Amino acid sequence: MSKKELEYEGYKGTVEYDEKCDFYTGEVEIDGKIYTYEGDTLEELQEDFEDIIDSIIAFDEMDDEEV
């Protein structure tokens, strides 16, 4: 397994590659919660990572508007 790191909108997430399964996974911790993402390629992994961050940012913005 090799490791790297992803970064998006100030968040940093892990990159793990399983050679046996030819598959990427990763985790990012936001506000004490662990979110996981995955992909068949690094590009898919990056897209899934960014989708999670975008969703969390959008949810936080919606939550702030309701207060």
Protein backbone atom coordinates (compact mmCIF):
# COMPACT_ATOMS: atom_id res chain seq x y z
CA MET A 1 0.00 0.00 0.00
CA SER A 2 1.22 3.46 -0.86
CA LYS A 3 0.04 6.66 0.84
CA LYS A 4 -0.36 10.23 -0.32
CA GLU A 5 -2.59 13.14 0.63
CA LEU A 6 -5.43 15.08 -1.00
CA GLU A 7 -6.26 18.71 -0.31
CA TYR A 8 -9.37 20.72 -1.19
CA GLU A 9 -10.94 23.87 0.29
CA GLY A 10 -8.46 23.73 3.19
CA TYR A 11 -9.26 20.12 4.11
CA LYS A 12 -6.67 17.36 3.90
CA GLY A 13 -7.50 13.72 3.37
CA THR A 14 -5.53 10.51 3.15
CA VAL A 15 -4.90 8.41 0.07
CA GLU A 16 -4.43 4.68 0.33
CA TYR A 17 -3.90 2.40 -2.63
CA ASP A 18 -4.46 -1.32 -2.35
CA GLU A 19 -2.34 -2.95 -5.05
CA LYS A 20 -4.01 -6.30 -4.53
CA CYS A 21 -7.47 -4.87 -5.22
CA ASP A 22 -6.27 -2.06 -7.54
CA PHE A 23 -8.49 0.39 -5.63
CA TYR A 24 -8.05 3.72 -3.83
CA THR A 25 -9.63 4.76 -0.53
CA GLY A 26 -9.18 7.66 1.84
CA GLU A 27 -10.45 9.43 4.93
CA VAL A 28 -10.92 13.02 6.00
CA GLU A 29 -11.81 14.19 9.51
CA ILE A 30 -14.16 17.15 9.77
CA ASP A 31 -15.51 18.41 13.09
CA GLY A 32 -14.58 15.15 14.80
CA LYS A 33 -16.31 12.95 12.22
CA ILE A 34 -14.50 10.64 9.79
CA TYR A 35 -15.69 10.61 6.19
CA THR A 36 -14.46 8.02 3.71
CA TYR A 37 -14.20 8.20 -0.06
CA GLU A 38 -13.09 5.79 -2.78
CA GLY A 39 -12.29 5.39 -6.44
CA ASP A 40 -10.86 3.10 -9.08
CA THR A 41 -8.40 5.83 -10.11
CA LEU A 42 -6.76 8.80 -8.39
CA GLU A 43 -9.02 11.07 -10.43
CA GLU A 44 -12.15 9.28 -9.15
CA LEU A 45 -10.78 9.41 -5.61
CA GLN A 46 -10.18 13.16 -5.90
CA GLU A 47 -13.70 13.68 -7.30
CA ASP A 48 -15.31 11.69 -4.46
CA PHE A 49 -13.20 13.60 -1.90
CA GLU A 50 -14.26 16.95 -3.37
CA ASP A 51 -17.92 15.87 -3.51
CA ILE A 52 -17.85 15.05 0.20
CA ILE A 53 -16.26 18.40 1.08
CA ASP A 54 -18.72 20.30 -1.14
CA SER A 55 -21.66 18.47 0.46
CA ILE A 56 -20.46 19.25 3.98
CA ILE A 57 -19.89 22.93 3.11
CA ALA A 58 -23.36 23.17 1.51
CA PHE A 59 -24.97 21.45 4.51
CA ASP A 60 -23.19 23.80 6.94
CA GLU A 61 -24.34 26.82 4.93
CA MET A 62 -27.95 25.56 4.94
CA ASP A 63 -27.72 24.91 8.67
CA ASP A 64 -26.40 28.44 9.29
CA GLU A 65 -29.25 29.98 7.28
CA GLU A 66 -31.88 28.21 9.41
CA VAL A 67 -30.56 29.67 12.67
